[in-house]
Amino acid sequence: MAERADTAQAQGTAARDHGGNLSAAIARFGGIRADWIDLSTGINPTPYPLPPMVAADWTALPDSEAQEALLTAARAYWQVPEGADVLAAPGASALIARLPALRPAARVRIETPTYNEHAAAFDHFGWQIAAAGEAEAQVSVHPNNPDGRLWRGDELLAPFCVIDESFCDVCPDQSHIARAATPGTVILKSFGKFWGLAGLRLGFAIGDPALIAGLRAAMGPWAVSGPALRAGTCALKDPAWAKATRVTLAASAARLDRLMQRAGAQTIGGTDLFRLYEVEDATLWQERLARAHVWSRIFPYSTRYLRLGLPPEDRWSQLEDALT
């Protein structure tokens, strides 16, 4: 990737931008929400089908039995090793915001480009953020957002090691879950990306029981809603859906690469939920797509990076037309 060497310092001071800001795109380029396809996020466009809810899911405080059912399903699905603890939370972002408080502020290594909420959270708690060198803590997004980098086990060596596997459910064989019981380790899982239910707000921290205990105390009781408990348990107990979905996502990612390459973009990374392209002028590409009501992701630290998620199955033609 041509700009990797130039992004580390720039990203550290960049605004905490995110995908998904479709309202701003509509205000600028017109149309109504139904006209648009939002490819600025890495959310599965074919979500897991929600199970039927009962009234108590909405009206009662989530009970311990439902919470334990979710954690049991999570342990089985991710093959959590004995000795590691599991915590469910209202989204991985809620966990990211609290992780730096688990250890005294020191030096944390966060190589860039990567998901910017980690650096923001550590900075908030007074940590010194560095892109390289020895440190008391390390954050590794695996696979990385936006370039899809996969981290080797021998690269994850800090005493306090956060491994963000929010996008790893597309490639479970690459997971570092086997090291979840290692002292000082926390592995994050996101339910919103692979299962396509980001609005449900469900995420997991898996790791060193001492660290998970600190997160549990910070979250307080009833952190996960009744609907999220039911939907999450159902989905995590459905490995057949997950297996079929990985096949579909891989085919869609390859199709997207072919379309973009024909349009003049170069594939430089990503996952089966999002793809990263190098283009001559990312802002012009974003505007070109937006005029056809296709919203994409560009980055404040690069003029050439363009990231696209996958279109819904019935909206591929809209992207094709935008590219031609």
C-alpha atoms as a PDB file:
ATOM      1  CA  MET A   1       0.000   0.000   0.000  1.00  0.00           C
ATOM      2  CA  ALA A   2       1.578   3.179  -1.228  1.00  0.00           C
ATOM      3  CA  GLU A   3       0.518   5.410   1.660  1.00  0.00           C
ATOM      4  CA  ARG A   4       1.004   3.148   4.681  1.00  0.00           C
ATOM      5  CA  ALA A   5       4.257   4.832   5.675  1.00  0.00           C
ATOM      6  CA  ASP A   6       2.633   8.272   5.626  1.00  0.00           C
ATOM      7  CA  THR A   7      -0.517   7.560   7.585  1.00  0.00           C
ATOM      8  CA  ALA A   8       0.639   6.839  11.125  1.00  0.00           C
ATOM      9  CA  GLN A   9       1.217  10.392  12.312  1.00  0.00           C
ATOM     10  CA  ALA A  10      -1.637  11.827  10.294  1.00  0.00           C
ATOM     11  CA  GLN A  11      -4.201   9.407  11.686  1.00  0.00           C
ATOM     12  CA  GLY A  12      -3.190  10.089  15.236  1.00  0.00           C
ATOM     13  CA  THR A  13      -4.425  13.676  14.968  1.00  0.00           C
ATOM     14  CA  ALA A  14      -7.332  13.090  12.578  1.00  0.00           C
ATOM     15  CA  ALA A  15     -10.970  13.557  13.475  1.00  0.00           C
ATOM     16  CA  ARG A  16     -12.755  10.430  14.671  1.00  0.00           C
ATOM     17  CA  ASP A  17     -14.553   9.878  11.404  1.00  0.00           C
ATOM     18  CA  HIS A  18     -16.760   6.866  10.786  1.00  0.00           C
ATOM     19  CA  GLY A  19     -18.814   5.340   8.047  1.00  0.00           C
ATOM     20  CA  GLY A  20     -22.576   5.228   8.134  1.00  0.00           C
ATOM     21  CA  ASN A  21     -23.242   8.984   8.124  1.00  0.00           C
ATOM     22  CA  LEU A  22     -25.820   8.651   5.371  1.00  0.00           C
ATOM     23  CA  SER A  23     -27.880  11.651   6.519  1.00  0.00           C
ATOM     24  CA  ALA A  24     -24.982  13.954   5.681  1.00  0.00           C
ATOM     25  CA  ALA A  25     -24.676  12.400   2.232  1.00  0.00           C
ATOM     26  CA  ILE A  26     -28.392  12.877   1.575  1.00  0.00           C
ATOM     27  CA  ALA A  27     -28.225  16.501   2.701  1.00  0.00           C
ATOM     28  CA  ARG A  28     -25.387  17.170   0.283  1.00  0.00           C
ATOM     29  CA  PHE A  29     -26.314  15.064  -2.743  1.00  0.00           C
ATOM     30  CA  GLY A  30     -30.086  14.832  -2.458  1.00  0.00           C
ATOM     31  CA  GLY A  31     -32.570  12.013  -2.719  1.00  0.00           C
ATOM     32  CA  ILE A  32     -34.294  10.113   0.076  1.00  0.00           C
ATOM     33  CA  ARG A  33     -32.898   7.269   2.149  1.00  0.00           C
ATOM     34  CA  ALA A  34     -34.574   4.613   0.017  1.00  0.00           C
ATOM     35  CA  ASP A  35     -32.673   5.894  -3.043  1.00  0.00           C
ATOM     36  CA  TRP A  36     -29.300   5.234  -1.461  1.00  0.00           C
ATOM     37  CA  ILE A  37     -27.111   2.214  -0.822  1.00  0.00           C
ATOM     38  CA  ASP A  38     -24.744   2.776   2.067  1.00  0.00           C
ATOM     39  CA  LEU A  39     -21.431   1.057   1.337  1.00  0.00           C
ATOM     40  CA  SER A  40     -19.505   3.182   3.851  1.00  0.00           C
ATOM     41  CA  THR A  41     -19.672   0.494   6.551  1.00  0.00           C
ATOM     42  CA  GLY A  42     -18.557  -3.129   6.749  1.00  0.00           C
ATOM     43  CA  ILE A  43     -21.928  -4.514   7.812  1.00  0.00           C
ATOM     44  CA  ASN A  44     -23.298  -7.678   6.217  1.00  0.00           C
ATOM     45  CA  PRO A  45     -26.094  -6.505   3.850  1.00  0.00           C
ATOM     46  CA  THR A  46     -27.987  -9.778   4.383  1.00  0.00           C
ATOM     47  CA  PRO A  47     -28.509  -9.880   8.155  1.00  0.00           C
ATOM     48  CA  TYR A  48     -29.306 -12.836  10.313  1.00  0.00           C
ATOM     49  CA  PRO A  49     -33.100 -13.268  10.438  1.00  0.00           C
ATOM     50  CA  LEU A  50     -34.354 -12.059  13.796  1.00  0.00           C
ATOM     51  CA  PRO A  51     -36.126 -14.697  15.879  1.00  0.00           C
ATOM     52  CA  PRO A  52     -39.650 -13.971  17.168  1.00  0.00           C
ATOM     53  CA  MET A  53     -39.592 -11.850  20.316  1.00  0.00           C
ATOM     54  CA  VAL A  54     -41.867 -12.184  23.327  1.00  0.00           C
ATOM     55  CA  ALA A  55     -43.285  -9.277  25.323  1.00  0.00           C
ATOM     56  CA  ALA A  56     -40.887  -9.864  28.218  1.00  0.00           C
ATOM     57  CA  ASP A  57     -37.906  -9.246  25.915  1.00  0.00           C
ATOM     58  CA  TRP A  58     -39.023  -5.615  25.797  1.00  0.00           C
ATOM     59  CA  THR A  59     -40.749  -5.091  29.135  1.00  0.00           C
ATOM     60  CA  ALA A  60     -38.710  -7.018  31.717  1.00  0.00           C
ATOM     61  CA  LEU A  61     -35.193  -6.544  32.992  1.00  0.00           C
ATOM     62  CA  PRO A  62     -32.970  -9.154  31.316  1.00  0.00           C
ATOM     63  CA  ASP A  63     -32.741 -12.105  33.682  1.00  0.00           C
ATOM     64  CA  SER A  64     -29.706 -14.150  34.582  1.00  0.00           C
ATOM     65  CA  GLU A  65     -30.905 -17.249  32.727  1.00  0.00           C
ATOM     66  CA  ALA A  66     -31.065 -15.382  29.402  1.00  0.00           C
ATOM     67  CA  GLN A  67     -27.657 -13.846  30.025  1.00  0.00           C
ATOM     68  CA  GLU A  68     -26.090 -17.215  30.815  1.00  0.00           C
ATOM     69  CA  ALA A  69     -27.662 -18.732  27.704  1.00  0.00           C
ATOM     70  CA  LEU A  70     -25.997 -16.064  25.574  1.00  0.00           C
ATOM     71  CA  LEU A  71     -22.595 -16.555  27.216  1.00  0.00           C
ATOM     72  CA  THR A  72     -22.848 -20.334  26.859  1.00  0.00           C
ATOM     73  CA  ALA A  73     -23.646 -19.945  23.154  1.00  0.00           C
ATOM     74  CA  ALA A  74     -20.720 -17.540  22.753  1.00  0.00           C
ATOM     75  CA  ARG A  75     -18.304 -19.954  24.439  1.00  0.00           C
ATOM     76  CA  ALA A  76     -19.360 -22.765  22.160  1.00  0.00           C
ATOM     77  CA  TYR A  77     -19.410 -20.734  18.949  1.00  0.00           C
ATOM     78  CA  TRP A  78     -15.979 -19.150  19.398  1.00  0.00           C
ATOM     79  CA  GLN A  79     -14.474 -22.218  21.093  1.00  0.00           C
ATOM     80  CA  VAL A  80     -13.377 -20.182  24.086  1.00  0.00           C
ATOM     81  CA  PRO A  81     -10.612 -21.999  25.966  1.00  0.00           C
ATOM     82  CA  GLU A  82     -11.038 -23.102  29.550  1.00  0.00           C
ATOM     83  CA  GLY A  83      -9.736 -20.426  31.893  1.00  0.00           C
ATOM     84  CA  ALA A  84     -10.922 -17.477  29.802  1.00  0.00           C
ATOM     85  CA  ASP A  85     -13.909 -15.377  30.844  1.00  0.00           C
ATOM     86  CA  VAL A  86     -16.646 -14.002  28.550  1.00  0.00           C
ATOM     87  CA  LEU A  87     -18.571 -10.745  28.909  1.00  0.00           C
ATOM     88  CA  ALA A  88     -21.430  -9.505  26.731  1.00  0.00           C
ATOM     89  CA  ALA A  89     -21.840  -5.754  26.266  1.00  0.00           C
ATOM     90  CA  PRO A  90     -23.937  -3.255  24.292  1.00  0.00           C
ATOM     91  CA  GLY A  91     -21.563  -3.266  21.325  1.00  0.00           C
ATOM     92  CA  ALA A  92     -17.804  -3.612  20.960  1.00  0.00           C
ATOM     93  CA  SER A  93     -17.466   0.185  21.045  1.00  0.00           C
ATOM     94  CA  ALA A  94     -18.711   0.251  24.646  1.00  0.00           C
ATOM     95  CA  LEU A  95     -15.905  -2.141  25.563  1.00  0.00           C
ATOM     96  CA  ILE A  96     -13.287  -0.198  23.595  1.00  0.00           C
ATOM     97  CA  ALA A  97     -14.165   2.958  25.529  1.00  0.00           C
ATOM     98  CA  ARG A  98     -13.512   1.234  28.887  1.00  0.00           C
ATOM     99  CA  LEU A  99     -10.519  -0.998  28.157  1.00  0.00           C
ATOM    100  CA  PRO A 100      -7.756   1.600  28.833  1.00  0.00           C
ATOM    101  CA  ALA A 101      -8.983   2.074  32.396  1.00  0.00           C
ATOM    102  CA  LEU A 102      -8.079  -1.516  33.253  1.00  0.00           C
ATOM    103  CA  ARG A 103      -4.382  -0.714  33.625  1.00  0.00           C
ATOM    104  CA  PRO A 104      -2.435   2.370  34.787  1.00  0.00           C
ATOM    105  CA  ALA A 105      -1.740   4.756  31.927  1.00  0.00           C
ATOM    106  CA  ALA A 106       1.636   4.175  30.272  1.00  0.00           C
ATOM    107  CA  ARG A 107       2.674   3.610  26.648  1.00  0.00           C
ATOM    108  CA  VAL A 108       0.392   1.837  24.157  1.00  0.00           C
ATOM    109  CA  ARG A 109       1.374   0.660  20.693  1.00  0.00           C
ATOM    110  CA  ILE A 110      -1.287   1.137  18.030  1.00  0.00           C
ATOM    111  CA  GLU A 111      -0.032   0.770  14.475  1.00  0.00           C
ATOM    112  CA  THR A 112      -1.879   2.772  11.877  1.00  0.00           C
ATOM    113  CA  PRO A 113      -3.937   2.969   9.784  1.00  0.00           C
ATOM    114  CA  THR A 114      -6.553   1.287  11.942  1.00  0.00           C
ATOM    115  CA  TYR A 115      -9.903   1.805  13.643  1.00  0.00           C
ATOM    116  CA  ASN A 116      -9.564   5.180  15.320  1.00  0.00           C
ATOM    117  CA  GLU A 117     -11.695   4.607  18.441  1.00  0.00           C
ATOM    118  CA  HIS A 118      -8.914   2.628  20.121  1.00  0.00           C
ATOM    119  CA  ALA A 119      -6.449   5.524  20.068  1.00  0.00           C
ATOM    120  CA  ALA A 120      -9.167   7.942  21.156  1.00  0.00           C
ATOM    121  CA  ALA A 121     -10.049   5.775  24.153  1.00  0.00           C
ATOM    122  CA  PHE A 122      -6.447   5.316  25.292  1.00  0.00           C
ATOM    123  CA  ASP A 123      -5.757   9.023  24.807  1.00  0.00           C
ATOM    124  CA  HIS A 124      -8.779   9.862  26.964  1.00  0.00           C
ATOM    125  CA  PHE A 125      -7.281   7.874  29.839  1.00  0.00           C
ATOM    126  CA  GLY A 126      -3.883   9.532  29.526  1.00  0.00           C
ATOM    127  CA  TRP A 127      -1.924   6.858  27.682  1.00  0.00           C
ATOM    128  CA  GLN A 128       0.993   7.759  25.426  1.00  0.00           C
ATOM    129  CA  ILE A 129       0.209   6.410  21.958  1.00  0.00           C
ATOM    130  CA  ALA A 130       3.000   5.176  19.686  1.00  0.00           C
ATOM    131  CA  ALA A 131       2.936   3.439  16.323  1.00  0.00           C
ATOM    132  CA  ALA A 132       6.005   1.286  17.009  1.00  0.00           C
ATOM    133  CA  GLY A 133       8.403   0.122  19.703  1.00  0.00           C
ATOM    134  CA  GLU A 134       8.043  -1.580  23.067  1.00  0.00           C
ATOM    135  CA  ALA A 135       5.002  -0.662  25.126  1.00  0.00           C
ATOM    136  CA  GLU A 136       3.057  -1.723  28.199  1.00  0.00           C
ATOM    137  CA  ALA A 137      -0.047  -2.215  26.042  1.00  0.00           C
ATOM    138  CA  GLN A 138      -0.799  -3.053  22.430  1.00  0.00           C
ATOM    139  CA  VAL A 139      -3.955  -2.861  20.315  1.00  0.00           C
ATOM    140  CA  SER A 140      -4.163  -4.986  17.172  1.00  0.00           C
ATOM    141  CA  VAL A 141      -7.272  -5.005  14.992  1.00  0.00           C
ATOM    142  CA  HIS A 142      -7.387  -8.486  13.416  1.00  0.00           C
ATOM    143  CA  PRO A 143      -8.222  -8.409  10.552  1.00  0.00           C
ATOM    144  CA  ASN A 144      -7.382  -4.750  10.442  1.00  0.00           C
ATOM    145  CA  ASN A 145      -9.759  -2.024   9.392  1.00  0.00           C
ATOM    146  CA  PRO A 146      -9.316  -0.732   6.679  1.00  0.00           C
ATOM    147  CA  ASP A 147      -6.575  -2.852   5.059  1.00  0.00           C
ATOM    148  CA  GLY A 148      -7.427  -6.362   6.322  1.00  0.00           C
ATOM    149  CA  ARG A 149      -3.999  -7.051   7.811  1.00  0.00           C
ATOM    150  CA  LEU A 150      -3.796 -10.270   9.843  1.00  0.00           C
ATOM    151  CA  TRP A 151      -1.536 -10.274  12.895  1.00  0.00           C
ATOM    152  CA  ARG A 152       0.736 -13.209  13.744  1.00  0.00           C
ATOM    153  CA  GLY A 153       0.842 -14.524  17.282  1.00  0.00           C
ATOM    154  CA  ASP A 154       4.501 -13.570  17.672  1.00  0.00           C
ATOM    155  CA  GLU A 155       3.567  -9.936  16.982  1.00  0.00           C
ATOM    156  CA  LEU A 156       1.191  -9.790  19.977  1.00  0.00           C
ATOM    157  CA  LEU A 157       3.570  -9.588  22.891  1.00  0.00           C
ATOM    158  CA  ALA A 158       2.655  -6.621  25.134  1.00  0.00           C
ATOM    159  CA  PRO A 159       1.785  -7.282  28.805  1.00  0.00           C
ATOM    160  CA  PHE A 160      -1.682  -5.813  28.129  1.00  0.00           C
ATOM    161  CA  CYS A 161      -2.771  -7.055  24.712  1.00  0.00           C
ATOM    162  CA  VAL A 162      -6.079  -6.058  23.098  1.00  0.00           C
ATOM    163  CA  ILE A 163      -6.980  -8.046  19.973  1.00  0.00           C
ATOM    164  CA  ASP A 164      -9.991  -6.584  18.192  1.00  0.00           C
ATOM    165  CA  GLU A 165     -11.558  -9.389  16.153  1.00  0.00           C
ATOM    166  CA  SER A 166     -14.688  -7.477  15.171  1.00  0.00           C
ATOM    167  CA  PHE A 167     -14.315  -8.648  11.552  1.00  0.00           C
ATOM    168  CA  CYS A 168     -12.763 -12.061  12.224  1.00  0.00           C
ATOM    169  CA  ASP A 169     -15.955 -14.081  11.876  1.00  0.00           C
ATOM    170  CA  VAL A 170     -15.421 -14.124   8.108  1.00  0.00           C
ATOM    171  CA  CYS A 171     -12.157 -16.010   8.708  1.00  0.00           C
ATOM    172  CA  PRO A 172     -12.532 -17.902  12.018  1.00  0.00           C
ATOM    173  CA  ASP A 173      -9.523 -20.091  11.271  1.00  0.00           C
ATOM    174  CA  GLN A 174      -7.371 -16.957  11.710  1.00  0.00           C
ATOM    175  CA  SER A 175      -8.713 -16.130  15.177  1.00  0.00           C
ATOM    176  CA  HIS A 176      -6.380 -15.806  18.165  1.00  0.00           C
ATOM    177  CA  ILE A 177      -9.079 -17.120  20.504  1.00  0.00           C
ATOM    178  CA  ALA A 178      -6.792 -19.948  21.664  1.00  0.00           C
ATOM    179  CA  ARG A 179      -4.737 -17.386  23.593  1.00  0.00           C
ATOM    180  CA  ALA A 180      -7.762 -15.830  25.327  1.00  0.00           C
ATOM    181  CA  ALA A 181      -6.802 -17.279  28.735  1.00  0.00           C
ATOM    182  CA  THR A 182      -3.326 -15.724  28.559  1.00  0.00           C
ATOM    183  CA  PRO A 183      -2.819 -13.158  31.351  1.00  0.00           C
ATOM    184  CA  GLY A 184      -3.188  -9.600  30.080  1.00  0.00           C
ATOM    185  CA  THR A 185      -5.169 -10.578  26.955  1.00  0.00           C
ATOM    186  CA  VAL A 186      -8.601  -9.333  25.868  1.00  0.00           C
ATOM    187  CA  ILE A 187     -10.186 -10.371  22.555  1.00  0.00           C
ATOM    188  CA  LEU A 188     -13.115  -8.333  21.239  1.00  0.00           C
ATOM    189  CA  LYS A 189     -15.944  -9.717  19.133  1.00  0.00           C
ATOM    190  CA  SER A 190     -18.638  -7.703  17.364  1.00  0.00           C
ATOM    191  CA  PHE A 191     -22.085  -9.073  16.607  1.00  0.00           C
ATOM    192  CA  GLY A 192     -23.109  -6.233  14.305  1.00  0.00           C
ATOM    193  CA  LYS A 193     -20.718  -6.815  11.397  1.00  0.00           C
ATOM    194  CA  PHE A 194     -20.875 -10.477  10.372  1.00  0.00           C
ATOM    195  CA  TRP A 195     -24.475 -11.009  11.506  1.00  0.00           C
ATOM    196  CA  GLY A 196     -25.515  -7.658  10.019  1.00  0.00           C
ATOM    197  CA  LEU A 197     -27.413  -6.457  13.102  1.00  0.00           C
ATOM    198  CA  ALA A 198     -25.389  -3.406  14.123  1.00  0.00           C
ATOM    199  CA  GLY A 199     -28.450  -1.636  15.514  1.00  0.00           C
ATOM    200  CA  LEU A 200     -28.962  -4.430  18.036  1.00  0.00           C
ATOM    201  CA  ARG A 201     -25.772  -3.269  19.852  1.00  0.00           C
ATOM    202  CA  LEU A 202     -24.073  -6.452  20.994  1.00  0.00           C
ATOM    203  CA  GLY A 203     -20.394  -7.185  21.487  1.00  0.00           C
ATOM    204  CA  PHE A 204     -18.184  -9.455  23.568  1.00  0.00           C
ATOM    205  CA  ALA A 205     -14.935  -9.289  25.527  1.00  0.00           C
ATOM    206  CA  ILE A 206     -13.182 -12.645  25.945  1.00  0.00           C
ATOM    207  CA  GLY A 207      -9.983 -13.074  27.891  1.00  0.00           C
ATOM    208  CA  ASP A 208      -8.032 -12.847  31.128  1.00  0.00           C
ATOM    209  CA  PRO A 209     -10.609 -13.219  33.949  1.00  0.00           C
ATOM    210  CA  ALA A 210      -9.002 -10.413  35.960  1.00  0.00           C
ATOM    211  CA  LEU A 211      -9.414  -7.965  33.073  1.00  0.00           C
ATOM    212  CA  ILE A 212     -12.914  -9.173  32.204  1.00  0.00           C
ATOM    213  CA  ALA A 213     -13.916  -8.691  35.841  1.00  0.00           C
ATOM    214  CA  GLY A 214     -12.880  -5.057  35.599  1.00  0.00           C
ATOM    215  CA  LEU A 215     -14.959  -4.579  32.469  1.00  0.00           C
ATOM    216  CA  ARG A 216     -17.932  -6.333  34.079  1.00  0.00           C
ATOM    217  CA  ALA A 217     -17.830  -3.960  37.033  1.00  0.00           C
ATOM    218  CA  ALA A 218     -17.642  -0.961  34.701  1.00  0.00           C
ATOM    219  CA  MET A 219     -20.614  -2.143  32.636  1.00  0.00           C
ATOM    220  CA  GLY A 220     -22.950  -2.696  35.563  1.00  0.00           C
ATOM    221  CA  PRO A 221     -26.036  -4.934  35.521  1.00  0.00           C
ATOM    222  CA  TRP A 222     -28.353  -5.389  32.537  1.00  0.00           C
ATOM    223  CA  ALA A 223     -25.833  -4.117  29.984  1.00  0.00           C
ATOM    224  CA  VAL A 224     -27.389  -6.199  27.188  1.00  0.00           C
ATOM    225  CA  SER A 225     -31.044  -5.737  26.243  1.00  0.00           C
ATOM    226  CA  GLY A 226     -33.603  -8.523  26.214  1.00  0.00           C
ATOM    227  CA  PRO A 227     -33.974  -8.503  22.404  1.00  0.00           C
ATOM    228  CA  ALA A 228     -30.187  -8.626  21.982  1.00  0.00           C
ATOM    229  CA  LEU A 229     -29.924 -11.560  24.377  1.00  0.00           C
ATOM    230  CA  ARG A 230     -32.529 -13.543  22.439  1.00  0.00           C
ATOM    231  CA  ALA A 231     -31.235 -12.693  18.952  1.00  0.00           C
ATOM    232  CA  GLY A 232     -27.595 -13.189  19.896  1.00  0.00           C
ATOM    233  CA  THR A 233     -28.198 -16.581  21.480  1.00  0.00           C
ATOM    234  CA  CYS A 234     -30.195 -17.770  18.494  1.00  0.00           C
ATOM    235  CA  ALA A 235     -27.589 -16.624  15.979  1.00  0.00           C
ATOM    236  CA  LEU A 236     -24.596 -18.030  17.838  1.00  0.00           C
ATOM    237  CA  LYS A 237     -26.330 -21.425  17.965  1.00  0.00           C
ATOM    238  CA  ASP A 238     -26.783 -21.451  14.193  1.00  0.00           C
ATOM    239  CA  PRO A 239     -23.401 -22.463  12.701  1.00  0.00           C
ATOM    240  CA  ALA A 240     -25.040 -23.560   9.429  1.00  0.00           C
ATOM    241  CA  TRP A 241     -26.112 -19.976   8.746  1.00  0.00           C
ATOM    242  CA  ALA A 242     -22.595 -18.749   9.511  1.00  0.00           C
ATOM    243  CA  LYS A 243     -20.990 -21.305   7.191  1.00  0.00           C
ATOM    244  CA  ALA A 244     -23.293 -20.480   4.281  1.00  0.00           C
ATOM    245  CA  THR A 245     -22.867 -16.748   4.885  1.00  0.00           C
ATOM    246  CA  ARG A 246     -19.074 -16.952   4.632  1.00  0.00           C
ATOM    247  CA  VAL A 247     -19.408 -18.526   1.194  1.00  0.00           C
ATOM    248  CA  THR A 248     -21.812 -15.817   0.034  1.00  0.00           C
ATOM    249  CA  LEU A 249     -19.693 -12.975   1.412  1.00  0.00           C
ATOM    250  CA  ALA A 250     -16.528 -14.299  -0.249  1.00  0.00           C
ATOM    251  CA  ALA A 251     -18.270 -14.469  -3.618  1.00  0.00           C
ATOM    252  CA  SER A 252     -19.646 -10.938  -3.200  1.00  0.00           C
ATOM    253  CA  ALA A 253     -16.243  -9.537  -2.217  1.00  0.00           C
ATOM    254  CA  ALA A 254     -14.671 -11.084  -5.327  1.00  0.00           C
ATOM    255  CA  ARG A 255     -17.465  -9.654  -7.479  1.00  0.00           C
ATOM    256  CA  LEU A 256     -16.898  -6.205  -6.000  1.00  0.00           C
ATOM    257  CA  ASP A 257     -13.164  -6.413  -6.726  1.00  0.00           C
ATOM    258  CA  ARG A 258     -13.858  -7.264 -10.354  1.00  0.00           C
ATOM    259  CA  LEU A 259     -16.224  -4.313 -10.754  1.00  0.00           C
ATOM    260  CA  MET A 260     -13.844  -1.839  -9.158  1.00  0.00           C
ATOM    261  CA  GLN A 261     -10.804  -3.070 -11.057  1.00  0.00           C
ATOM    262  CA  ARG A 262     -12.655  -2.679 -14.360  1.00  0.00           C
ATOM    263  CA  ALA A 263     -13.454   0.882 -13.287  1.00  0.00           C
ATOM    264  CA  GLY A 264      -9.765   1.634 -12.691  1.00  0.00           C
ATOM    265  CA  ALA A 265      -9.332   1.029  -8.958  1.00  0.00           C
ATOM    266  CA  GLN A 266      -6.606  -1.145  -7.473  1.00  0.00           C
ATOM    267  CA  THR A 267      -7.503  -3.634  -4.732  1.00  0.00           C
ATOM    268  CA  ILE A 268      -5.082  -3.237  -1.837  1.00  0.00           C
ATOM    269  CA  GLY A 269      -6.777  -5.042   1.040  1.00  0.00           C
ATOM    270  CA  GLY A 270      -9.875  -5.556   3.108  1.00  0.00           C
ATOM    271  CA  THR A 271     -11.986  -8.482   4.277  1.00  0.00           C
ATOM    272  CA  ASP A 272     -15.013 -10.286   2.868  1.00  0.00           C
ATOM    273  CA  LEU A 273     -17.184  -7.587   4.506  1.00  0.00           C
ATOM    274  CA  PHE A 274     -15.375  -4.560   3.065  1.00  0.00           C
ATOM    275  CA  ARG A 275     -12.747  -3.904   0.422  1.00  0.00           C
ATOM    276  CA  LEU A 276     -10.051  -1.235   0.316  1.00  0.00           C
ATOM    277  CA  TYR A 277      -9.068   0.323  -3.007  1.00  0.00           C
ATOM    278  CA  GLU A 278      -6.394   2.733  -4.135  1.00  0.00           C
ATOM    279  CA  VAL A 279      -7.641   5.356  -6.565  1.00  0.00           C
ATOM    280  CA  GLU A 280      -6.161   8.508  -8.039  1.00  0.00           C
ATOM    281  CA  ASP A 281      -8.410  10.873  -6.073  1.00  0.00           C
ATOM    282  CA  ALA A 282     -10.622   9.349  -3.359  1.00  0.00           C
ATOM    283  CA  THR A 283     -12.727  12.494  -2.900  1.00  0.00           C
ATOM    284  CA  LEU A 284     -13.614  12.617  -6.574  1.00  0.00           C
ATOM    285  CA  TRP A 285     -14.496   8.915  -6.540  1.00  0.00           C
ATOM    286  CA  GLN A 286     -16.731   9.389  -3.506  1.00  0.00           C
ATOM    287  CA  GLU A 287     -18.520  12.311  -5.157  1.00  0.00           C
ATOM    288  CA  ARG A 288     -18.914  10.405  -8.410  1.00  0.00           C
ATOM    289  CA  LEU A 289     -20.557   7.493  -6.611  1.00  0.00           C
ATOM    290  CA  ALA A 290     -22.641   9.789  -4.434  1.00  0.00           C
ATOM    291  CA  ARG A 291     -24.210  11.441  -7.475  1.00  0.00           C
ATOM    292  CA  ALA A 292     -25.640   7.978  -8.183  1.00  0.00           C
ATOM    293  CA  HIS A 293     -26.698   7.687  -4.517  1.00  0.00           C
ATOM    294  CA  VAL A 294     -23.968   5.223  -3.551  1.00  0.00           C
ATOM    295  CA  TRP A 295     -22.198   6.218  -0.345  1.00  0.00           C
ATOM    296  CA  SER A 296     -18.576   5.154   0.197  1.00  0.00           C
ATOM    297  CA  ARG A 297     -15.872   5.674   2.803  1.00  0.00           C
ATOM    298  CA  ILE A 298     -12.808   7.857   2.456  1.00  0.00           C
ATOM    299  CA  PHE A 299     -10.240   8.709   5.120  1.00  0.00           C
ATOM    300  CA  PRO A 300      -8.796  11.979   6.454  1.00  0.00           C
ATOM    301  CA  TYR A 301      -5.265  10.534   6.430  1.00  0.00           C
ATOM    302  CA  SER A 302      -5.220   9.448   2.782  1.00  0.00           C
ATOM    303  CA  THR A 303      -6.172  11.051  -0.526  1.00  0.00           C
ATOM    304  CA  ARG A 304      -6.143   7.700  -2.329  1.00  0.00           C
ATOM    305  CA  TYR A 305      -7.950   5.225  -0.066  1.00  0.00           C
ATOM    306  CA  LEU A 306     -11.550   4.321  -0.918  1.00  0.00           C
ATOM    307  CA  ARG A 307     -13.363   1.653   1.100  1.00  0.00           C
ATOM    308  CA  LEU A 308     -16.573  -0.055   0.028  1.00  0.00           C
ATOM    309  CA  GLY A 309     -18.828  -2.497   1.789  1.00  0.00           C
ATOM    310  CA  LEU A 310     -20.999  -4.998  -0.039  1.00  0.00           C
ATOM    311  CA  PRO A 311     -24.271  -3.982  -1.735  1.00  0.00           C
ATOM    312  CA  PRO A 312     -27.544  -5.757  -0.951  1.00  0.00           C
ATOM    313  CA  GLU A 313     -28.201  -8.501  -3.466  1.00  0.00           C
ATOM    314  CA  ASP A 314     -30.902  -6.493  -5.241  1.00  0.00           C
ATOM    315  CA  ARG A 315     -28.816  -3.287  -5.549  1.00  0.00           C
ATOM    316  CA  TRP A 316     -25.715  -4.402  -7.453  1.00  0.00           C
ATOM    317  CA  SER A 317     -27.002  -2.798 -10.646  1.00  0.00           C
ATOM    318  CA  GLN A 318     -27.061   0.603  -8.957  1.00  0.00           C
ATOM    319  CA  LEU A 319     -23.360   0.301  -8.149  1.00  0.00           C
ATOM    320  CA  GLU A 320     -22.578  -0.962 -11.638  1.00  0.00           C
ATOM    321  CA  ASP A 321     -24.379   1.998 -13.185  1.00  0.00           C
ATOM    322  CA  ALA A 322     -22.535   4.408 -10.873  1.00  0.00           C
ATOM    323  CA  LEU A 323     -19.189   2.999 -11.991  1.00  0.00           C
ATOM    324  CA  THR A 324     -19.981   3.306 -15.701  1.00  0.00           C
END
